[in-house]
């Protein structure tokens, strides 16, 4: 027996012009997962290819969403996007008197009942599913034959560089091969033979059931299945396209996913640090983590950029309007995390003696709670003092946005070199911060201002960074080293 679903919805035209009508309503995740198929893109099956467009379901992500909903405070107000296949649902206006009572006259569209039936797929044989799907697929292939898809000379040139993050290249259609394979599969099923290519019948049946569902799930599959795992009560707002042909469904998926921009970690950090107090961050930490927000990084970068004692105060570029920072967020994040996460033998030999606690665990906790920041800011504070204006009239490298000292590659290399030098010269962090800063200042005397003023050849690519490290290493070993003779200044192969 078919199962009937019926929802109170609002139907409207988004722009008031031509285009598919949209309806919005509320449905349980357990129901959506029944009537909205997920046309997942799959690899070749025999000599054919599944024709879906959705990404494969990420079980780990689904579990994370389920855990997110397990916190009773958490909600996801974003709509699930589905597209109803042509002829699968019925839309009926509410009775005129009731519609008049419920409609204020200010909302666009009209209140309607949307209803549709869900066939019991389990009662349908693979042969029936193949026949139904092939009926529509053959019509699409017939239309493709008229369009002469092999006329490659008529195609416009690609406007995006291959391999770029915005690349979207239309390749030859696999639909013909898929239809041909399905026809062979249908013949095999009718004759009682195994499917071509050794493909399992259950795999094909599951795919066809999804493709023949009343609606296709265009966006939000992980939220639907995560909500379903959470329980019967989980519901979502549904934004549905009515009578959407297959190509419209694919178009909507591409537009939604290609045009949307994920929030960068830098912007997340800026949001957390500028929108929440420390007390609020602590209160929301569990919820933020379950939503995928890296609270630790947000806190570290808030301190690096916004703490008035930070050597990098207001120098970090978060990607927000009106900011004055220019140093790349990602590079400074790696700089701070490297310091905060010092572990292993580096911690035991170099850092641990300066930390409070009787056990290694207590010392690490002390380091990561606050002491890392004391030494991070002391190290870079000493470096800033070293390269500020001097009585000798040296150029202020620290405040010069074009300074080679303030390139991320330079900062990371010098910090790593210092920690390496401390370890292998068997030195430890002085528990007296002023004494530690004096040690850093003495070490930094190895690198004259001119080293960061004169043009370098390379040091931006991984293979070139070795030039920078080698030149710095040799200056530490011998401050009288003629650095202009190093490959960093002389090698022209990468310029």
Protein backbone atom coordinates (compact mmCIF):
# COMPACT_ATOMS: atom_id res chain seq x y z
CA UNK A 1 0.00 0.00 0.00
CA UNK A 2 1.36 3.45 -0.88
CA UNK A 3 1.93 5.81 2.05
CA UNK A 4 0.45 9.32 1.72
CA UNK A 5 2.23 12.43 3.02
CA UNK A 6 0.39 15.74 3.35
CA UNK A 7 1.80 19.08 4.52
CA UNK A 8 0.46 22.59 5.03
CA UNK A 9 2.71 24.78 2.90
CA UNK A 10 3.14 28.18 1.34
CA UNK A 11 3.57 28.30 -2.42
CA UNK A 12 5.10 31.28 -4.20
CA UNK A 13 7.15 32.44 -7.17
CA UNK A 14 10.41 33.80 -5.86
CA UNK A 15 10.82 36.63 -8.36
CA UNK A 16 7.21 36.95 -9.44
CA UNK A 17 8.29 35.98 -12.94
CA UNK A 18 8.78 32.71 -14.80
CA UNK A 19 10.47 29.82 -13.04
CA UNK A 20 9.52 26.82 -10.98
CA UNK A 21 7.16 27.43 -8.07
CA UNK A 22 8.60 27.01 -4.60
CA UNK A 23 6.80 25.62 -1.57
CA UNK A 24 7.98 25.72 2.03
CA UNK A 25 6.78 23.49 4.85
CA UNK A 26 8.01 21.68 7.96
CA UNK A 27 8.69 17.93 8.00
CA UNK A 28 10.33 15.39 10.27
CA UNK A 29 13.79 14.16 9.33
CA UNK A 30 12.49 10.59 9.55
CA UNK A 31 9.87 11.41 6.90
CA UNK A 32 12.22 13.35 4.62
CA UNK A 33 14.62 10.43 4.56
CA UNK A 34 11.78 8.22 3.32
CA UNK A 35 10.41 10.31 0.46
CA UNK A 36 13.50 12.29 -0.64
CA UNK A 37 16.00 10.18 -2.50
CA UNK A 38 19.70 10.99 -2.50
CA UNK A 39 21.06 10.75 -6.06
CA UNK A 40 24.69 10.20 -5.11
CA UNK A 41 27.43 10.46 -7.67
CA UNK A 42 29.07 7.06 -7.97
CA UNK A 43 31.89 5.42 -9.84
CA UNK A 44 31.45 3.26 -12.89
CA UNK A 45 29.18 0.25 -12.62
CA UNK A 46 30.20 -2.22 -15.25
CA UNK A 47 30.41 -0.07 -18.38
CA UNK A 48 27.91 2.48 -17.08
CA UNK A 49 27.97 5.30 -14.55
CA UNK A 50 25.44 6.23 -11.92
CA UNK A 51 23.96 9.57 -12.88
CA UNK A 52 23.58 11.16 -9.46
CA UNK A 53 25.05 14.46 -8.33
CA UNK A 54 25.20 14.29 -4.52
CA UNK A 55 28.41 13.65 -2.63
CA UNK A 56 28.81 10.31 -0.88
CA UNK A 57 27.33 10.26 2.60
CA UNK A 58 30.04 10.97 5.16
CA UNK A 59 29.14 8.74 8.12
CA UNK A 60 31.50 10.57 10.46
CA UNK A 61 29.92 13.91 9.59
CA UNK A 62 26.45 12.44 10.01
CA UNK A 63 27.42 11.18 13.46
CA UNK A 64 28.78 14.61 14.36
CA UNK A 65 25.47 16.21 13.39
CA UNK A 66 23.61 13.64 15.48
CA UNK A 67 25.86 14.55 18.44
CA UNK A 68 25.20 18.23 17.73
CA UNK A 69 21.44 17.68 18.06
CA UNK A 70 21.96 15.63 21.22
CA UNK A 71 22.59 18.93 22.99
CA UNK A 72 19.03 20.23 23.62
CA UNK A 73 20.18 23.82 23.11
CA UNK A 74 21.31 23.26 19.55
CA UNK A 75 19.15 23.87 16.49
CA UNK A 76 19.77 24.12 12.74
CA UNK A 77 17.42 26.72 11.25
CA UNK A 78 18.73 26.36 7.69
CA UNK A 79 16.25 24.84 5.22
CA UNK A 80 16.62 21.48 3.56
CA UNK A 81 16.36 21.85 -0.23
CA UNK A 82 14.46 19.20 -2.20
CA UNK A 83 13.10 18.98 -5.75
CA UNK A 84 9.91 17.08 -6.53
CA UNK A 85 9.95 15.19 -9.78
CA UNK A 86 7.42 16.12 -12.41
CA UNK A 87 3.97 14.76 -11.68
CA UNK A 88 4.79 13.32 -8.26
CA UNK A 89 2.85 15.68 -5.99
CA UNK A 90 -0.49 17.46 -5.84
CA UNK A 91 -0.99 21.05 -4.68
CA UNK A 92 -4.42 22.13 -3.44
CA UNK A 93 -5.29 25.66 -2.25
CA UNK A 94 -6.84 25.91 1.20
CA UNK A 95 -10.57 26.49 1.31
CA UNK A 96 -11.19 30.12 0.40
CA UNK A 97 -12.72 31.08 3.77
CA UNK A 98 -9.89 29.49 5.78
CA UNK A 99 -7.22 30.94 3.50
CA UNK A 100 -8.70 34.42 4.00
CA UNK A 101 -8.61 34.03 7.78
CA UNK A 102 -4.96 32.86 7.81
CA UNK A 103 -3.55 35.19 5.16
CA UNK A 104 -2.70 38.71 6.31
CA UNK A 105 -2.31 40.01 2.80
CA UNK A 106 1.34 40.91 3.40
CA UNK A 107 2.92 37.52 2.74
CA UNK A 108 3.66 36.55 -0.86
CA UNK A 109 2.14 33.43 -2.34
CA UNK A 110 -0.74 31.35 -1.03
CA UNK A 111 -1.36 28.70 1.60
CA UNK A 112 -1.77 25.24 0.09
CA UNK A 113 -1.86 21.57 0.91
CA UNK A 114 0.94 19.60 -0.75
CA UNK A 115 0.45 15.85 -0.88
CA UNK A 116 2.13 12.90 -2.54
CA UNK A 117 2.32 9.15 -2.29
CA UNK A 118 5.33 6.99 -1.54
CA UNK A 119 5.28 3.59 -3.14
CA UNK A 120 6.46 0.66 -1.09
CA UNK A 121 9.72 0.18 -2.93
CA UNK A 122 10.31 -3.09 -1.16
CA UNK A 123 7.32 -4.56 -2.95
CA UNK A 124 8.68 -3.66 -6.38
CA UNK A 125 11.01 -5.95 -8.24
CA UNK A 126 14.28 -4.91 -9.78
CA UNK A 127 12.74 -5.50 -13.18
CA UNK A 128 9.91 -3.05 -12.46
CA UNK A 129 12.36 -0.41 -11.23
CA UNK A 130 14.57 -0.85 -14.29
CA UNK A 131 11.61 -0.53 -16.64
CA UNK A 132 10.28 2.62 -14.96
CA UNK A 133 13.64 4.36 -14.81
CA UNK A 134 14.54 3.44 -18.39
CA UNK A 135 11.27 4.89 -19.62
CA UNK A 136 12.36 8.42 -18.66
CA UNK A 137 16.09 7.93 -19.24
CA UNK A 138 15.58 6.84 -22.85
CA UNK A 139 13.67 10.05 -23.56
CA UNK A 140 16.56 12.09 -22.23
CA UNK A 141 19.04 10.17 -24.37
CA UNK A 142 16.86 10.71 -27.41
CA UNK A 143 17.01 14.43 -26.78
CA UNK A 144 20.79 14.25 -26.43
CA UNK A 145 21.06 12.62 -29.86
CA UNK A 146 19.50 15.74 -31.38
CA UNK A 147 21.99 18.09 -29.71
CA UNK A 148 25.12 16.63 -31.36
CA UNK A 149 27.19 16.56 -28.15
CA UNK A 150 30.27 15.35 -30.01
CA UNK A 151 30.62 18.68 -31.84
CA UNK A 152 33.48 19.84 -29.64
CA UNK A 153 34.41 22.68 -31.97
CA UNK A 154 31.19 24.48 -31.05
CA UNK A 155 31.99 24.47 -27.32
CA UNK A 156 33.23 27.73 -25.81
CA UNK A 157 36.75 27.72 -24.38
CA UNK A 158 37.15 27.13 -20.66
CA UNK A 159 37.30 30.37 -18.68
CA UNK A 160 38.85 28.90 -15.55
CA UNK A 161 42.33 27.53 -15.14
CA UNK A 162 42.31 23.72 -14.69
CA UNK A 163 42.99 22.70 -11.12
CA UNK A 164 41.94 26.02 -9.64
CA UNK A 165 39.58 25.98 -6.66
CA UNK A 166 36.79 27.44 -8.81
CA UNK A 167 37.25 25.01 -11.65
CA UNK A 168 33.98 23.68 -13.11
CA UNK A 169 34.55 21.73 -16.30
CA UNK A 170 31.71 20.07 -18.22
CA UNK A 171 32.87 16.70 -19.46
CA UNK A 172 31.20 14.35 -21.93
CA UNK A 173 27.93 12.86 -20.75
CA UNK A 174 27.91 9.29 -19.43
CA UNK A 175 24.14 8.97 -19.63
CA UNK A 176 24.14 6.96 -22.87
CA UNK A 177 26.56 4.43 -21.41
CA UNK A 178 24.48 4.19 -18.27
CA UNK A 179 21.25 3.63 -20.20
CA UNK A 180 22.94 1.00 -22.34
CA UNK A 181 24.18 -0.80 -19.25
CA UNK A 182 20.72 -0.65 -17.65
CA UNK A 183 19.19 -2.14 -20.83
CA UNK A 184 21.68 -4.98 -20.62
CA UNK A 185 20.85 -5.36 -16.93
CA UNK A 186 17.13 -5.48 -17.70
CA UNK A 187 17.68 -8.17 -20.32
CA UNK A 188 19.77 -10.14 -17.82
CA UNK A 189 17.08 -9.88 -15.13
CA UNK A 190 14.39 -11.04 -17.57
CA UNK A 191 16.54 -14.02 -18.56
CA UNK A 192 17.45 -14.86 -14.97
CA UNK A 193 21.14 -14.10 -15.52
CA UNK A 194 23.60 -12.19 -13.33
CA UNK A 195 23.93 -8.48 -13.95
CA UNK A 196 26.72 -7.42 -16.34
CA UNK A 197 30.03 -6.57 -14.74
CA UNK A 198 29.29 -8.61 -11.61
CA UNK A 199 27.34 -5.75 -10.03
CA UNK A 200 25.06 -6.72 -7.15
CA UNK A 201 21.30 -6.46 -7.62
CA UNK A 202 20.92 -4.83 -4.18
CA UNK A 203 23.29 -2.02 -5.21
CA UNK A 204 21.35 -1.26 -8.37
CA UNK A 205 17.99 -1.59 -6.64
CA UNK A 206 18.99 0.91 -3.94
CA UNK A 207 20.18 3.40 -6.54
CA UNK A 208 17.01 3.16 -8.61
CA UNK A 209 14.78 3.48 -5.54
CA UNK A 210 16.53 6.75 -4.70
CA UNK A 211 16.20 8.01 -8.27
CA UNK A 212 12.50 7.14 -8.38
CA UNK A 213 11.56 8.74 -5.06
CA UNK A 214 8.92 11.51 -5.21
CA UNK A 215 11.62 14.10 -4.48
CA UNK A 216 15.37 14.41 -4.67
CA UNK A 217 17.38 15.76 -1.75
CA UNK A 218 19.40 18.59 -3.30
CA UNK A 219 21.03 20.09 -0.21
CA UNK A 220 21.17 18.96 3.43
CA UNK A 221 21.59 15.19 3.26
CA UNK A 222 23.89 15.06 6.29
CA UNK A 223 21.53 17.16 8.40
CA UNK A 224 18.59 14.93 7.43
CA UNK A 225 20.35 11.68 8.26
CA UNK A 226 22.00 13.12 11.37
CA UNK A 227 18.60 14.39 12.52
CA UNK A 228 17.05 11.01 11.79
CA UNK A 229 19.69 9.34 13.95
CA UNK A 230 18.94 11.82 16.72
CA UNK A 231 15.29 10.83 16.90
CA UNK A 232 11.70 11.08 15.77
CA UNK A 233 11.19 14.64 17.00
CA UNK A 234 13.87 16.26 14.80
CA UNK A 235 12.20 18.44 12.15
CA UNK A 236 13.39 20.81 9.46
CA UNK A 237 12.05 23.59 7.34
CA UNK A 238 11.85 22.26 3.77
CA UNK A 239 12.26 24.46 0.71
CA UNK A 240 10.93 22.50 -2.26
CA UNK A 241 10.91 23.03 -6.01
CA UNK A 242 7.80 21.65 -7.73
CA UNK A 243 7.85 19.67 -10.96
CA UNK A 244 11.61 19.99 -11.32
CA UNK A 245 13.16 18.19 -14.29
CA UNK A 246 16.43 16.39 -13.68
CA UNK A 247 18.59 19.08 -15.24
CA UNK A 248 17.04 21.69 -12.91
CA UNK A 249 17.90 19.53 -9.91
CA UNK A 250 21.53 19.25 -11.03
CA UNK A 251 21.63 23.00 -11.73
CA UNK A 252 20.38 23.85 -8.25
CA UNK A 253 22.92 21.52 -6.65
CA UNK A 254 25.78 23.11 -8.58
CA UNK A 255 24.63 26.67 -7.85
CA UNK A 256 24.11 26.03 -4.14
CA UNK A 257 27.48 24.34 -3.67
CA UNK A 258 29.61 26.23 -6.19
CA UNK A 259 28.43 29.70 -5.28
CA UNK A 260 28.29 29.25 -1.51
CA UNK A 261 31.46 30.12 0.37
CA UNK A 262 32.46 28.22 3.47
CA UNK A 263 33.43 30.47 6.36
CA UNK A 264 37.21 30.66 6.57
CA UNK A 265 38.88 29.77 9.84
CA UNK A 266 40.18 33.33 10.02
CA UNK A 267 36.67 34.75 9.79
CA UNK A 268 35.41 32.27 12.38
CA UNK A 269 38.17 33.37 14.72
CA UNK A 270 37.25 36.99 14.16
CA UNK A 271 33.58 36.25 14.83
CA UNK A 272 34.30 34.36 18.05
CA UNK A 273 36.82 36.86 19.34
CA UNK A 274 34.81 39.97 18.45
CA UNK A 275 31.30 38.72 19.20
CA UNK A 276 31.75 36.75 22.43
CA UNK A 277 33.24 37.50 25.82
CA UNK A 278 35.66 34.99 27.32
CA UNK A 279 32.95 33.90 29.74
CA UNK A 280 30.53 33.37 26.86
CA UNK A 281 33.12 31.40 24.91
CA UNK A 282 33.62 29.13 27.93
CA UNK A 283 29.87 28.68 28.27
CA UNK A 284 29.43 27.87 24.59
CA UNK A 285 32.65 25.91 24.10
CA UNK A 286 31.02 22.47 23.94
CA UNK A 287 28.36 23.64 21.52
CA UNK A 288 30.86 25.48 19.36
CA UNK A 289 33.06 22.40 19.16
CA UNK A 290 30.12 20.19 18.19
CA UNK A 291 29.39 22.68 15.41
CA UNK A 292 32.95 22.36 14.11
CA UNK A 293 34.34 25.65 15.44
CA UNK A 294 37.94 25.39 16.61
CA UNK A 295 37.67 27.33 19.86
CA UNK A 296 41.34 26.86 20.74
CA UNK A 297 42.54 28.50 17.54
CA UNK A 298 40.02 31.32 17.95
CA UNK A 299 41.33 32.02 21.44
CA UNK A 300 45.00 31.84 20.43
CA UNK A 301 44.49 34.19 17.52
CA UNK A 302 42.40 36.57 19.59
CA UNK A 303 45.34 36.88 21.96
CA UNK A 304 47.94 37.21 19.17
CA UNK A 305 46.04 40.00 17.46
CA UNK A 306 44.06 41.75 20.19
CA UNK A 307 46.15 41.51 23.36
CA UNK A 308 47.78 44.90 23.86
CA UNK A 309 51.03 43.19 24.94
CA UNK A 310 51.28 41.15 21.75
CA UNK A 311 54.17 41.96 19.39
CA UNK A 312 51.65 41.33 16.58
CA UNK A 313 48.96 43.61 18.01
CA UNK A 314 46.50 44.57 15.23
CA UNK A 315 48.84 43.13 12.60
CA UNK A 316 46.83 39.99 11.66
CA UNK A 317 44.54 39.94 8.64
CA UNK A 318 41.27 38.20 9.57
CA UNK A 319 39.30 39.06 6.45
CA UNK A 320 36.80 41.42 8.06
CA UNK A 321 35.72 44.84 6.86
CA UNK A 322 37.79 47.78 8.03
CA UNK A 323 40.67 45.83 9.54
CA UNK A 324 44.21 47.23 9.48
CA UNK A 325 46.12 43.95 9.80
CA UNK A 326 48.13 42.58 6.89
CA UNK A 327 49.96 39.46 8.12
CA UNK A 328 48.23 36.30 6.78
CA UNK A 329 46.00 34.67 9.38
CA UNK A 330 47.02 31.11 8.43
CA UNK A 331 50.72 31.81 8.81
CA UNK A 332 50.34 33.50 12.21
CA UNK A 333 48.04 30.70 13.35
CA UNK A 334 50.77 28.16 12.59
CA UNK A 335 53.28 30.33 14.41
CA UNK A 336 51.17 30.45 17.60
CA UNK A 337 50.11 26.80 17.46
CA UNK A 338 53.72 25.67 17.05
CA UNK A 339 54.60 27.48 20.28
CA UNK A 340 51.50 26.39 22.21
CA UNK A 341 51.85 22.73 21.17
CA UNK A 342 55.54 22.23 21.96
CA UNK A 343 55.76 18.64 23.15
CA UNK A 344 57.92 15.55 23.20
CA UNK A 345 61.62 15.93 23.89
CA UNK A 346 61.47 19.62 22.95
CA UNK A 347 59.18 20.21 25.90
CA UNK A 348 61.12 18.02 28.32
CA UNK A 349 64.54 19.46 27.51
CA UNK A 350 63.79 23.10 26.74
CA UNK A 351 60.40 24.24 28.06
CA UNK A 352 59.50 22.02 31.01
CA UNK A 353 62.08 23.41 33.46
CA UNK A 354 60.40 26.84 33.24
CA UNK A 355 56.92 25.47 34.03
CA UNK A 356 55.22 24.95 37.38
CA UNK A 357 54.14 21.50 38.54
CA UNK A 358 55.55 18.31 39.97
CA UNK A 359 54.55 16.01 37.09
CA UNK A 360 55.00 16.28 33.33
CA UNK A 361 51.21 16.55 32.89
CA UNK A 362 51.04 19.44 35.34
CA UNK A 363 53.90 21.21 33.57
CA UNK A 364 52.22 20.80 30.16
CA UNK A 365 48.95 22.10 31.60
CA UNK A 366 50.77 25.10 33.04
CA UNK A 367 52.45 25.76 29.70
CA UNK A 368 49.28 25.59 27.64
CA UNK A 369 47.15 27.50 30.11
CA UNK A 370 49.15 30.71 30.08
CA UNK A 371 52.92 30.30 30.18
CA UNK A 372 53.18 29.60 26.44
CA UNK A 373 51.88 33.11 25.88
CA UNK A 374 54.41 34.66 28.26
CA UNK A 375 57.29 33.13 26.31
CA UNK A 376 55.74 33.56 22.87
CA UNK A 377 55.23 37.28 23.46
CA UNK A 378 58.64 37.57 25.14
CA UNK A 379 60.40 35.91 22.18
CA UNK A 380 58.70 38.04 19.54
CA UNK A 381 58.86 41.10 21.76
CA UNK A 382 62.63 40.73 21.89
CA UNK A 383 62.70 40.29 18.11
CA UNK A 384 60.59 43.41 17.65
CA UNK A 385 62.92 45.38 19.93
CA UNK A 386 65.90 44.12 17.95
CA UNK A 387 64.50 45.41 14.65
CA UNK A 388 62.92 48.66 15.76
CA UNK A 389 64.75 51.94 14.92
CA UNK A 390 68.18 52.05 16.54
CA UNK A 391 70.46 54.91 17.56
CA UNK A 392 72.58 53.98 14.55
CA UNK A 393 69.66 54.93 12.30
CA UNK A 394 68.73 51.43 11.17
CA UNK A 395 65.45 51.13 9.28
CA UNK A 396 62.50 49.95 11.40
CA UNK A 397 61.90 46.51 9.91
CA UNK A 398 59.13 45.49 12.30
CA UNK A 399 56.73 48.23 11.27
CA UNK A 400 57.53 47.99 7.54
CA UNK A 401 54.79 46.04 5.73
CA UNK A 402 57.21 45.22 2.92
CA UNK A 403 59.94 44.02 5.25
CA UNK A 404 61.36 40.57 4.50
CA UNK A 405 61.51 40.07 8.24
CA UNK A 406 57.72 40.14 8.40
CA UNK A 407 57.17 37.53 5.72
CA UNK A 408 55.47 34.47 7.19
CA UNK A 409 58.20 32.19 5.83
CA UNK A 410 60.81 34.27 7.69
CA UNK A 411 58.90 34.32 10.98
CA UNK A 412 58.26 30.58 10.90
CA UNK A 413 61.83 29.74 9.92
CA UNK A 414 63.37 31.93 12.59
CA UNK A 415 61.08 30.62 15.32
CA UNK A 416 61.83 27.02 14.36
CA UNK A 417 65.56 27.76 14.19
CA UNK A 418 65.51 29.29 17.68
CA UNK A 419 63.73 26.29 19.22
CA UNK A 420 66.11 23.94 17.42
CA UNK A 421 69.11 25.95 18.61
CA UNK A 422 67.86 25.88 22.21
CA UNK A 423 67.44 22.12 22.13
CA UNK A 424 70.72 21.14 20.50
CA UNK A 425 72.82 23.64 22.42
CA UNK A 426 71.29 22.09 25.58
CA UNK A 427 69.77 25.35 26.76
CA UNK A 428 66.49 25.73 28.63
CA UNK A 429 63.99 28.57 28.88
CA UNK A 430 64.99 30.84 31.73
CA UNK A 431 62.22 31.00 34.33
CA UNK A 432 62.90 34.74 34.56
CA UNK A 433 61.13 36.31 31.57
CA UNK A 434 63.45 39.32 31.42
CA UNK A 435 66.47 37.01 31.37
CA UNK A 436 64.81 34.96 28.63
CA UNK A 437 64.25 38.08 26.53
CA UNK A 438 67.91 38.98 26.99
CA UNK A 439 68.89 35.52 25.72
CA UNK A 440 66.68 35.99 22.65
CA UNK A 441 68.14 39.44 22.02
CA UNK A 442 71.66 38.04 22.11
CA UNK A 443 70.71 35.26 19.69
CA UNK A 444 69.08 37.74 17.33
CA UNK A 445 72.32 39.76 17.15
CA UNK A 446 73.48 37.08 14.71
CA UNK A 447 71.15 38.52 12.06
CA UNK A 448 72.02 42.03 10.90
CA UNK A 449 69.36 44.41 9.59
CA UNK A 450 70.91 44.25 6.14
CA UNK A 451 70.04 40.55 5.91
CA UNK A 452 66.34 41.49 5.74
CA UNK A 453 66.73 44.61 3.59
CA UNK A 454 68.54 43.30 0.54
CA UNK A 455 66.74 41.32 -2.20
CA UNK A 456 66.44 37.56 -1.82
CA UNK A 457 66.18 35.04 -4.60
CA UNK A 458 63.41 32.64 -3.63
CA UNK A 459 62.44 31.44 -0.14
CA UNK A 460 58.74 31.36 -1.02
CA UNK A 461 58.48 27.83 -2.39
CA UNK A 462 59.19 24.82 -0.14
CA UNK A 463 62.30 23.97 -2.14
CA UNK A 464 63.56 27.55 -1.69
CA UNK A 465 62.95 27.75 2.04
CA UNK A 466 66.04 25.64 2.52
CA UNK A 467 68.07 28.59 1.20
CA UNK A 468 66.72 30.84 3.95
CA UNK A 469 67.27 28.27 6.67
CA UNK A 470 70.79 27.55 5.46
CA UNK A 471 71.74 31.24 5.47
CA UNK A 472 70.28 31.77 8.96
CA UNK A 473 71.98 28.60 10.26
CA UNK A 474 75.36 29.77 9.01
CA UNK A 475 74.92 33.17 10.65
CA UNK A 476 74.18 31.49 14.00
CA UNK A 477 77.31 29.37 13.64
CA UNK A 478 79.40 32.35 12.55
CA UNK A 479 78.04 35.91 12.87
CA UNK A 480 80.89 37.05 10.59
CA UNK A 481 79.60 34.88 7.75
CA UNK A 482 79.34 36.86 4.50
CA UNK A 483 75.63 36.16 4.02
CA UNK A 484 75.56 37.87 0.62
CA UNK A 485 77.55 34.92 -0.71
CA UNK A 486 74.82 32.45 0.30
CA UNK A 487 72.46 30.87 -2.24
CA UNK A 488 69.63 32.96 -0.78
CA UNK A 489 71.22 36.06 -2.29
CA UNK A 490 73.19 34.61 -5.20
CA UNK A 491 71.14 31.74 -6.67
CA UNK A 492 69.15 33.01 -9.65
CA UNK A 493 67.66 29.66 -10.64
CA UNK A 494 64.29 30.36 -8.99
CA UNK A 495 63.97 34.03 -9.84
